[in-house]
Amino acid sequence: FSYFLAYFLRFNFSIPEGYLPLIFKSLPLLLFFRAASFFLFRL
C-alpha cells in the first residue's frame, strides 16, 4: 500500500500508465528486502 501511495503522492493521485509496469516489476524486490530486514531486526 505504501509503495503505491508513494507513486500516487508523487503524481498527484494520478499515476501515468507507463509507470505501472515499473511498479509491478520492482514490487517483488521491495517485498524481499523489506521482509529480510524485518526479520533481521526481529520485528
All heavy atoms as atom14 arrays in JSON, in Angstrom:
{
  "sequence": "FSYFLAYFLRFNFSIPEGYLPLIFKSLPLLLFFRAASFFLFRL",
  "atom14_mask": [
    [1, 1, 1, 1, 1, 1, 1, 1, 1, 1, 1, 0, 0, 0],
    [1, 1, 1, 1, 1, 1, 0, 0, 0, 0, 0, 0, 0, 0],
    [1, 1, 1, 1, 1, 1, 1, 1, 1, 1, 1, 1, 0, 0],
    [1, 1, 1, 1, 1, 1, 1, 1, 1, 1, 1, 0, 0, 0],
    [1, 1, 1, 1, 1, 1, 1, 1, 0, 0, 0, 0, 0, 0],
    [1, 1, 1, 1, 1, 0, 0, 0, 0, 0, 0, 0, 0, 0],
    [1, 1, 1, 1, 1, 1, 1, 1, 1, 1, 1, 1, 0, 0],
    [1, 1, 1, 1, 1, 1, 1, 1, 1, 1, 1, 0, 0, 0],
    [1, 1, 1, 1, 1, 1, 1, 1, 0, 0, 0, 0, 0, 0],
    [1, 1, 1, 1, 1, 1, 1, 1, 1, 1, 1, 0, 0, 0],
    [1, 1, 1, 1, 1, 1, 1, 1, 1, 1, 1, 0, 0, 0],
    [1, 1, 1, 1, 1, 1, 1, 1, 0, 0, 0, 0, 0, 0],
    [1, 1, 1, 1, 1, 1, 1, 1, 1, 1, 1, 0, 0, 0],
    [1, 1, 1, 1, 1, 1, 0, 0, 0, 0, 0, 0, 0, 0],
    [1, 1, 1, 1, 1, 1, 1, 1, 0, 0, 0, 0, 0, 0],
    [1, 1, 1, 1, 1, 1, 1, 0, 0, 0, 0, 0, 0, 0],
    [1, 1, 1, 1, 1, 1, 1, 1, 1, 0, 0, 0, 0, 0],
    [1, 1, 1, 1, 0, 0, 0, 0, 0, 0, 0, 0, 0, 0],
    [1, 1, 1, 1, 1, 1, 1, 1, 1, 1, 1, 1, 0, 0],
    [1, 1, 1, 1, 1, 1, 1, 1, 0, 0, 0, 0, 0, 0],
    [1, 1, 1, 1, 1, 1, 1, 0, 0, 0, 0, 0, 0, 0],
    [1, 1, 1, 1, 1, 1, 1, 1, 0, 0, 0, 0, 0, 0],
    [1, 1, 1, 1, 1, 1, 1, 1, 0, 0, 0, 0, 0, 0],
    [1, 1, 1, 1, 1, 1, 1, 1, 1, 1, 1, 0, 0, 0],
    [1, 1, 1, 1, 1, 1, 1, 1, 1, 0, 0, 0, 0, 0],
    [1, 1, 1, 1, 1, 1, 0, 0, 0, 0, 0, 0, 0, 0],
    [1, 1, 1, 1, 1, 1, 1, 1, 0, 0, 0, 0, 0, 0],
    [1, 1, 1, 1, 1, 1, 1, 0, 0, 0, 0, 0, 0, 0],
    [1, 1, 1, 1, 1, 1, 1, 1, 0, 0, 0, 0, 0, 0],
    [1, 1, 1, 1, 1, 1, 1, 1, 0, 0, 0, 0, 0, 0],
    [1, 1, 1, 1, 1, 1, 1, 1, 0, 0, 0, 0, 0, 0],
    [1, 1, 1, 1, 1, 1, 1, 1, 1, 1, 1, 0, 0, 0],
    [1, 1, 1, 1, 1, 1, 1, 1, 1, 1, 1, 0, 0, 0],
    [1, 1, 1, 1, 1, 1, 1, 1, 1, 1, 1, 0, 0, 0],
    [1, 1, 1, 1, 1, 0, 0, 0, 0, 0, 0, 0, 0, 0],
    [1, 1, 1, 1, 1, 0, 0, 0, 0, 0, 0, 0, 0, 0],
    [1, 1, 1, 1, 1, 1, 0, 0, 0, 0, 0, 0, 0, 0],
    [1, 1, 1, 1, 1, 1, 1, 1, 1, 1, 1, 0, 0, 0],
    [1, 1, 1, 1, 1, 1, 1, 1, 1, 1, 1, 0, 0, 0],
    [1, 1, 1, 1, 1, 1, 1, 1, 0, 0, 0, 0, 0, 0],
    [1, 1, 1, 1, 1, 1, 1, 1, 1, 1, 1, 0, 0, 0],
    [1, 1, 1, 1, 1, 1, 1, 1, 1, 1, 1, 0, 0, 0],
    [1, 1, 1, 1, 1, 1, 1, 1, 0, 0, 0, 0, 0, 0]
  ],
  "atom14_positions": [
    [[0.83, -1.21, 0.0], [0.0, 0.0, 0.0], [0.87, 1.25, 0.0], [0.6, 2.23, -0.73], [-0.92, -0.01, 1.22], [-1.85, 1.17, 1.3], [-3.03, 1.2, 0.58], [-1.52, 2.27, 2.08], [-3.88, 2.3, 0.64], [-2.36, 3.37, 2.15], [-3.54, 3.39, 1.44], [0.0, 0.0, 0.0], [0.0, 0.0, 0.0], [0.0, 0.0, 0.0]],
    [[1.93, 1.24, 0.82], [2.8, 2.42, 0.93], [3.51, 2.69, -0.39], [3.69, 3.86, -0.78], [3.82, 2.19, 2.05], [4.76, 3.23, 2.09], [0.0, 0.0, 0.0], [0.0, 0.0, 0.0], [0.0, 0.0, 0.0], [0.0, 0.0, 0.0], [0.0, 0.0, 0.0], [0.0, 0.0, 0.0], [0.0, 0.0, 0.0], [0.0, 0.0, 0.0]],
    [[3.93, 1.62, -1.09], [4.64, 1.8, -2.37], [3.73, 2.44, -3.42], [4.13, 3.38, -4.12], [5.16, 0.45, -2.84], [6.17, 0.53, -3.95], [7.22, 1.45, -3.91], [6.1, -0.32, -5.05], [8.16, 1.51, -4.93], [7.03, -0.27, -6.08], [8.06, 0.66, -6.02], [8.99, 0.73, -7.04], [0.0, 0.0, 0.0], [0.0, 0.0, 0.0]],
    [[2.49, 1.93, -3.5], [1.54, 2.54, -4.44], [1.19, 3.97, -4.03], [1.09, 4.86, -4.87], [0.27, 1.68, -4.52], [0.37, 0.54, -5.48], [0.76, -0.73, -5.06], [0.08, 0.73, -6.83], [0.85, -1.79, -5.95], [0.19, -0.32, -7.73], [0.56, -1.58, -7.29], [0.0, 0.0, 0.0], [0.0, 0.0, 0.0], [0.0, 0.0, 0.0]],
    [[1.04, 4.18, -2.71], [0.7, 5.51, -2.23], [1.81, 6.52, -2.55], [1.53, 7.69, -2.87], [0.45, 5.48, -0.72], [0.08, 6.81, -0.06], [-1.22, 7.36, -0.65], [-0.05, 6.66, 1.46], [0.0, 0.0, 0.0], [0.0, 0.0, 0.0], [0.0, 0.0, 0.0], [0.0, 0.0, 0.0], [0.0, 0.0, 0.0], [0.0, 0.0, 0.0]],
    [[3.07, 6.06, -2.49], [4.19, 6.95, -2.8], [4.09, 7.45, -4.24], [4.34, 8.64, -4.52], [5.51, 6.23, -2.57], [0.0, 0.0, 0.0], [0.0, 0.0, 0.0], [0.0, 0.0, 0.0], [0.0, 0.0, 0.0], [0.0, 0.0, 0.0], [0.0, 0.0, 0.0], [0.0, 0.0, 0.0], [0.0, 0.0, 0.0], [0.0, 0.0, 0.0]],
    [[3.7, 6.56, -5.16], [3.52, 6.98, -6.56], [2.31, 7.91, -6.7], [2.35, 8.89, -7.45], [3.37, 5.76, -7.46], [4.68, 5.16, -7.89], [5.29, 4.16, -7.14], [5.33, 5.62, -9.03], [6.5, 3.61, -7.53], [6.55, 5.07, -9.43], [7.13, 4.07, -8.67], [8.34, 3.54, -9.06], [0.0, 0.0, 0.0], [0.0, 0.0, 0.0]],
    [[1.23, 7.6, -5.97], [0.06, 8.48, -6.02], [0.4, 9.88, -5.54], [0.01, 10.89, -6.15], [-1.06, 7.89, -5.15], [-1.97, 6.93, -5.87], [-1.9, 5.57, -5.64], [-2.89, 7.4, -6.8], [-2.71, 4.68, -6.3], [-3.71, 6.51, -7.48], [-3.63, 5.15, -7.23], [0.0, 0.0, 0.0], [0.0, 0.0, 0.0], [0.0, 0.0, 0.0]],
    [[1.14, 9.96, -4.44], [1.52, 11.28, -3.93], [2.48, 11.99, -4.87], [2.41, 13.22, -5.03], [2.16, 11.12, -2.54], [1.23, 10.6, -1.42], [2.03, 10.37, -0.14], [0.1, 11.59, -1.16], [0.0, 0.0, 0.0], [0.0, 0.0, 0.0], [0.0, 0.0, 0.0], [0.0, 0.0, 0.0], [0.0, 0.0, 0.0], [0.0, 0.0, 0.0]],
    [[3.39, 11.22, -5.46], [4.36, 11.83, -6.38], [3.68, 12.43, -7.61], [4.08, 13.5, -8.09], [5.37, 10.74, -6.8], [6.31, 11.14, -7.93], [7.21, 12.3, -7.58], [8.11, 12.62, -8.66], [7.8, 13.34, -9.73], [6.55, 13.81, -9.88], [8.71, 13.59, -10.66], [0.0, 0.0, 0.0], [0.0, 0.0, 0.0], [0.0, 0.0, 0.0]],
    [[2.64, 11.76, -8.12], [1.98, 12.22, -9.35], [0.58, 12.78, -9.07], [-0.31, 12.7, -9.92], [1.9, 11.07, -10.36], [3.24, 10.62, -10.86], [3.8, 9.42, -10.41], [3.95, 11.39, -11.76], [5.04, 9.01, -10.87], [5.19, 10.97, -12.22], [5.74, 9.79, -11.78], [0.0, 0.0, 0.0], [0.0, 0.0, 0.0], [0.0, 0.0, 0.0]],
    [[0.38, 13.33, -7.86], [-0.89, 14.0, -7.52], [-2.1, 13.09, -7.76], [-3.1, 13.48, -8.35], [-1.04, 15.3, -8.33], [0.03, 16.31, -7.98], [0.41, 16.45, -6.81], [0.55, 16.99, -8.99], [0.0, 0.0, 0.0], [0.0, 0.0, 0.0], [0.0, 0.0, 0.0], [0.0, 0.0, 0.0], [0.0, 0.0, 0.0], [0.0, 0.0, 0.0]],
    [[-1.97, 11.84, -7.26], [-3.06, 10.85, -7.27], [-3.51, 10.46, -8.68], [-4.65, 10.06, -8.89], [-4.27, 11.36, -6.47], [-3.94, 11.57, -5.01], [-3.55, 12.82, -4.53], [-4.01, 10.51, -4.13], [-3.24, 13.0, -3.2], [-3.69, 10.69, -2.79], [-3.3, 11.94, -2.32], [0.0, 0.0, 0.0], [0.0, 0.0, 0.0], [0.0, 0.0, 0.0]],
    [[-2.6, 10.54, -9.63], [-2.91, 10.08, -10.99], [-1.63, 9.5, -11.59], [-0.81, 10.23, -12.17], [-3.43, 11.23, -11.85], [-3.7, 10.78, -13.17], [0.0, 0.0, 0.0], [0.0, 0.0, 0.0], [0.0, 0.0, 0.0], [0.0, 0.0, 0.0], [0.0, 0.0, 0.0], [0.0, 0.0, 0.0], [0.0, 0.0, 0.0], [0.0, 0.0, 0.0]],
    [[-1.42, 8.18, -11.42], [-0.19, 7.55, -11.88], [-0.25, 7.37, -13.4], [-1.18, 6.74, -13.92], [0.0, 6.17, -11.21], [0.01, 6.32, -9.68], [1.29, 5.52, -11.68], [0.1, 5.01, -8.94], [0.0, 0.0, 0.0], [0.0, 0.0, 0.0], [0.0, 0.0, 0.0], [0.0, 0.0, 0.0], [0.0, 0.0, 0.0], [0.0, 0.0, 0.0]],
    [[0.72, 7.91, -14.13], [0.76, 7.69, -15.59], [0.88, 6.2, -15.9], [1.5, 5.43, -15.15], [2.01, 8.46, -16.02], [2.23, 9.48, -14.94], [1.78, 8.82, -13.68], [0.0, 0.0, 0.0], [0.0, 0.0, 0.0], [0.0, 0.0, 0.0], [0.0, 0.0, 0.0], [0.0, 0.0, 0.0], [0.0, 0.0, 0.0], [0.0, 0.0, 0.0]],
    [[0.28, 5.78, -17.02], [0.24, 4.36, -17.37], [1.63, 3.75, -17.52], [1.85, 2.58, -17.23], [-0.54, 4.17, -18.68], [-2.02, 4.48, -18.56], [-2.76, 4.18, -19.84], [-2.12, 3.66, -20.78], [-3.97, 4.46, -19.9], [0.0, 0.0, 0.0], [0.0, 0.0, 0.0], [0.0, 0.0, 0.0], [0.0, 0.0, 0.0], [0.0, 0.0, 0.0]],
    [[2.59, 4.53, -17.95], [3.92, 3.99, -18.17], [4.63, 3.55, -16.9], [5.61, 2.79, -16.96], [0.0, 0.0, 0.0], [0.0, 0.0, 0.0], [0.0, 0.0, 0.0], [0.0, 0.0, 0.0], [0.0, 0.0, 0.0], [0.0, 0.0, 0.0], [0.0, 0.0, 0.0], [0.0, 0.0, 0.0], [0.0, 0.0, 0.0], [0.0, 0.0, 0.0]],
    [[4.15, 4.0, -15.76], [4.83, 3.67, -14.51], [4.3, 2.38, -13.87], [4.96, 1.79, -13.01], [4.68, 4.82, -13.51], [5.58, 5.99, -13.82], [5.11, 7.08, -14.55], [6.92, 5.99, -13.41], [5.93, 8.15, -14.85], [7.75, 7.06, -13.71], [7.25, 8.14, -14.43], [8.07, 9.19, -14.72], [0.0, 0.0, 0.0], [0.0, 0.0, 0.0]],
    [[3.1, 1.97, -14.25], [2.54, 0.77, -13.63], [3.39, -0.47, -13.85], [3.6, -1.26, -12.92], [1.11, 0.55, -14.12], [0.07, 1.55, -13.6], [-1.29, 1.3, -14.24], [-0.03, 1.44, -12.08], [0.0, 0.0, 0.0], [0.0, 0.0, 0.0], [0.0, 0.0, 0.0], [0.0, 0.0, 0.0], [0.0, 0.0, 0.0], [0.0, 0.0, 0.0]],
    [[3.91, -0.71, -15.08], [4.79, -1.88, -15.26], [6.03, -1.83, -14.36], [6.47, -2.86, -13.84], [5.17, -1.82, -16.73], [4.06, -1.05, -17.37], [3.65, -0.03, -16.37], [0.0, 0.0, 0.0], [0.0, 0.0, 0.0], [0.0, 0.0, 0.0], [0.0, 0.0, 0.0], [0.0, 0.0, 0.0], [0.0, 0.0, 0.0], [0.0, 0.0, 0.0]],
    [[6.6, -0.62, -14.18], [7.76, -0.49, -13.3], [7.41, -0.85, -11.86], [8.2, -1.49, -11.15], [8.31, 0.94, -13.37], [8.96, 1.37, -14.68], [9.36, 2.83, -14.61], [10.18, 0.5, -14.98], [0.0, 0.0, 0.0], [0.0, 0.0, 0.0], [0.0, 0.0, 0.0], [0.0, 0.0, 0.0], [0.0, 0.0, 0.0], [0.0, 0.0, 0.0]],
    [[6.24, -0.43, -11.44], [5.81, -0.73, -10.06], [5.72, -2.24, -9.86], [6.25, -2.79, -8.88], [4.46, -0.05, -9.76], [4.61, 1.47, -9.79], [3.93, -0.51, -8.41], [3.3, 2.23, -9.62], [0.0, 0.0, 0.0], [0.0, 0.0, 0.0], [0.0, 0.0, 0.0], [0.0, 0.0, 0.0], [0.0, 0.0, 0.0], [0.0, 0.0, 0.0]],
    [[5.04, -2.92, -10.78], [4.83, -4.36, -10.61], [6.14, -5.15, -10.76], [6.34, -6.19, -10.13], [3.79, -4.86, -11.61], [2.39, -4.44, -11.26], [1.72, -3.47, -12.01], [1.75, -4.98, -10.16], [0.43, -3.09, -11.68], [0.46, -4.6, -9.82], [-0.2, -3.65, -10.58], [0.0, 0.0, 0.0], [0.0, 0.0, 0.0], [0.0, 0.0, 0.0]],
    [[7.07, -4.65, -11.6], [8.36, -5.33, -11.75], [9.25, -5.19, -10.51], [9.98, -6.1, -10.14], [9.1, -4.79, -12.97], [8.52, -5.23, -14.31], [9.34, -4.64, -15.44], [8.78, -5.05, -16.81], [9.55, -4.46, -17.93], [0.0, 0.0, 0.0], [0.0, 0.0, 0.0], [0.0, 0.0, 0.0], [0.0, 0.0, 0.0], [0.0, 0.0, 0.0]],
    [[9.18, -4.01, -9.89], [10.07, -3.75, -8.74], [9.46, -4.18, -7.41], [10.18, -4.31, -6.42], [10.4, -2.25, -8.68], [9.21, -1.47, -8.58], [0.0, 0.0, 0.0], [0.0, 0.0, 0.0], [0.0, 0.0, 0.0], [0.0, 0.0, 0.0], [0.0, 0.0, 0.0], [0.0, 0.0, 0.0], [0.0, 0.0, 0.0], [0.0, 0.0, 0.0]],
    [[8.14, -4.4, -7.37], [7.49, -4.75, -6.11], [8.05, -6.02, -5.47], [8.26, -6.05, -4.25], [5.98, -4.87, -6.33], [5.13, -5.04, -5.06], [5.36, -3.87, -4.11], [3.65, -5.15, -5.42], [0.0, 0.0, 0.0], [0.0, 0.0, 0.0], [0.0, 0.0, 0.0], [0.0, 0.0, 0.0], [0.0, 0.0, 0.0], [0.0, 0.0, 0.0]],
    [[8.32, -7.11, -6.22], [8.9, -8.3, -5.57], [10.25, -8.02, -4.88], [10.52, -8.56, -3.81], [9.07, -9.28, -6.73], [8.04, -8.86, -7.73], [7.98, -7.38, -7.64], [0.0, 0.0, 0.0], [0.0, 0.0, 0.0], [0.0, 0.0, 0.0], [0.0, 0.0, 0.0], [0.0, 0.0, 0.0], [0.0, 0.0, 0.0], [0.0, 0.0, 0.0]],
    [[11.07, -7.17, -5.51], [12.34, -6.81, -4.87], [12.1, -6.07, -3.56], [12.76, -6.33, -2.55], [13.18, -5.93, -5.82], [13.78, -6.63, -7.04], [14.43, -5.59, -7.95], [14.8, -7.67, -6.61], [0.0, 0.0, 0.0], [0.0, 0.0, 0.0], [0.0, 0.0, 0.0], [0.0, 0.0, 0.0], [0.0, 0.0, 0.0], [0.0, 0.0, 0.0]],
    [[11.14, -5.15, -3.58], [10.83, -4.39, -2.37], [10.35, -5.32, -1.25], [10.81, -5.21, -0.11], [9.76, -3.34, -2.67], [9.29, -2.5, -1.47], [10.44, -1.67, -0.93], [8.12, -1.6, -1.88], [0.0, 0.0, 0.0], [0.0, 0.0, 0.0], [0.0, 0.0, 0.0], [0.0, 0.0, 0.0], [0.0, 0.0, 0.0], [0.0, 0.0, 0.0]],
    [[9.45, -6.24, -1.58], [8.93, -7.16, -0.57], [10.05, -8.05, -0.02], [10.11, -8.31, 1.19], [7.82, -8.03, -1.18], [6.5, -7.32, -1.47], [5.57, -8.24, -2.26], [5.83, -6.87, -0.19], [0.0, 0.0, 0.0], [0.0, 0.0, 0.0], [0.0, 0.0, 0.0], [0.0, 0.0, 0.0], [0.0, 0.0, 0.0], [0.0, 0.0, 0.0]],
    [[10.94, -8.5, -0.88], [12.02, -9.38, -0.44], [12.95, -8.67, 0.54], [13.24, -9.18, 1.63], [12.82, -9.88, -1.64], [14.05, -10.65, -1.26], [13.97, -11.96, -0.83], [15.31, -10.04, -1.32], [15.1, -12.67, -0.46], [16.44, -10.74, -0.96], [16.35, -12.06, -0.52], [0.0, 0.0, 0.0], [0.0, 0.0, 0.0], [0.0, 0.0, 0.0]],
    [[13.41, -7.47, 0.15], [14.37, -6.77, 1.01], [13.7, -6.25, 2.29], [14.33, -6.23, 3.36], [15.01, -5.61, 0.24], [15.99, -6.07, -0.8], [15.77, -5.83, -2.15], [17.13, -6.78, -0.43], [16.67, -6.26, -3.1], [18.04, -7.21, -1.38], [17.8, -6.96, -2.73], [0.0, 0.0, 0.0], [0.0, 0.0, 0.0], [0.0, 0.0, 0.0]],
    [[12.44, -5.84, 2.21], [11.75, -5.41, 3.42], [11.57, -6.58, 4.38], [11.82, -6.46, 5.59], [10.38, -4.83, 3.05], [10.45, -3.4, 2.5], [10.44, -2.39, 3.66], [10.94, -1.1, 3.21], [10.22, -0.2, 2.52], [8.97, -0.48, 2.18], [10.74, 0.95, 2.17], [0.0, 0.0, 0.0], [0.0, 0.0, 0.0], [0.0, 0.0, 0.0]],
    [[11.13, -7.73, 3.87], [10.93, -8.9, 4.73], [12.24, -9.33, 5.38], [12.3, -9.65, 6.57], [10.33, -10.05, 3.93], [0.0, 0.0, 0.0], [0.0, 0.0, 0.0], [0.0, 0.0, 0.0], [0.0, 0.0, 0.0], [0.0, 0.0, 0.0], [0.0, 0.0, 0.0], [0.0, 0.0, 0.0], [0.0, 0.0, 0.0], [0.0, 0.0, 0.0]],
    [[13.33, -9.34, 4.58], [14.63, -9.73, 5.12], [15.07, -8.79, 6.24], [15.56, -9.24, 7.29], [15.67, -9.75, 4.01], [0.0, 0.0, 0.0], [0.0, 0.0, 0.0], [0.0, 0.0, 0.0], [0.0, 0.0, 0.0], [0.0, 0.0, 0.0], [0.0, 0.0, 0.0], [0.0, 0.0, 0.0], [0.0, 0.0, 0.0], [0.0, 0.0, 0.0]],
    [[14.91, -7.49, 6.04], [15.32, -6.53, 7.07], [14.41, -6.61, 8.29], [14.88, -6.45, 9.43], [15.31, -5.1, 6.5], [14.02, -4.74, 6.07], [0.0, 0.0, 0.0], [0.0, 0.0, 0.0], [0.0, 0.0, 0.0], [0.0, 0.0, 0.0], [0.0, 0.0, 0.0], [0.0, 0.0, 0.0], [0.0, 0.0, 0.0], [0.0, 0.0, 0.0]],
    [[13.11, -6.9, 8.09], [12.19, -7.03, 9.23], [12.6, -8.21, 10.12], [12.6, -8.1, 11.34], [10.75, -7.22, 8.75], [10.16, -5.99, 8.1], [8.98, -6.07, 7.37], [10.78, -4.76, 8.21], [8.44, -4.94, 6.78], [10.25, -3.62, 7.61], [9.08, -3.72, 6.89], [0.0, 0.0, 0.0], [0.0, 0.0, 0.0], [0.0, 0.0, 0.0]],
    [[12.94, -9.33, 9.48], [13.35, -10.48, 10.27], [14.73, -10.27, 10.89], [15.01, -10.75, 11.99], [13.36, -11.74, 9.41], [12.0, -12.35, 9.23], [11.28, -12.16, 8.05], [11.42, -13.09, 10.24], [10.03, -12.72, 7.89], [10.16, -13.66, 10.1], [9.45, -13.46, 8.91], [0.0, 0.0, 0.0], [0.0, 0.0, 0.0], [0.0, 0.0, 0.0]],
    [[15.61, -9.54, 10.18], [16.94, -9.27, 10.72], [16.86, -8.47, 12.01], [17.6, -8.72, 12.96], [17.78, -8.52, 9.67], [19.2, -8.13, 10.1], [20.03, -9.38, 10.37], [19.86, -7.27, 9.04], [0.0, 0.0, 0.0], [0.0, 0.0, 0.0], [0.0, 0.0, 0.0], [0.0, 0.0, 0.0], [0.0, 0.0, 0.0], [0.0, 0.0, 0.0]],
    [[15.95, -7.51, 12.06], [15.8, -6.67, 13.25], [14.72, -7.19, 14.2], [14.3, -6.48, 15.1], [15.48, -5.23, 12.84], [16.68, -4.48, 12.33], [16.97, -4.44, 10.98], [17.55, -3.85, 13.21], [18.08, -3.76, 10.49], [18.66, -3.17, 12.75], [18.93, -3.12, 11.39], [0.0, 0.0, 0.0], [0.0, 0.0, 0.0], [0.0, 0.0, 0.0]],
    [[14.26, -8.42, 13.98], [13.37, -9.13, 14.9], [12.11, -8.33, 15.23], [11.76, -8.14, 16.39], [14.12, -9.48, 16.19], [15.36, -10.32, 15.95], [16.08, -10.62, 17.24], [15.27, -11.45, 18.11], [15.62, -11.8, 19.35], [16.78, -11.37, 19.83], [14.84, -12.54, 20.08], [0.0, 0.0, 0.0], [0.0, 0.0, 0.0], [0.0, 0.0, 0.0]],
    [[11.44, -7.85, 14.2], [10.21, -7.11, 14.44], [9.09, -8.02, 14.91], [8.06, -7.53, 15.39], [9.76, -6.4, 13.15], [10.69, -5.33, 12.58], [9.95, -4.51, 11.54], [11.23, -4.42, 13.67], [0.0, 0.0, 0.0], [0.0, 0.0, 0.0], [0.0, 0.0, 0.0], [0.0, 0.0, 0.0], [0.0, 0.0, 0.0], [0.0, 0.0, 0.0]]
  ]
}
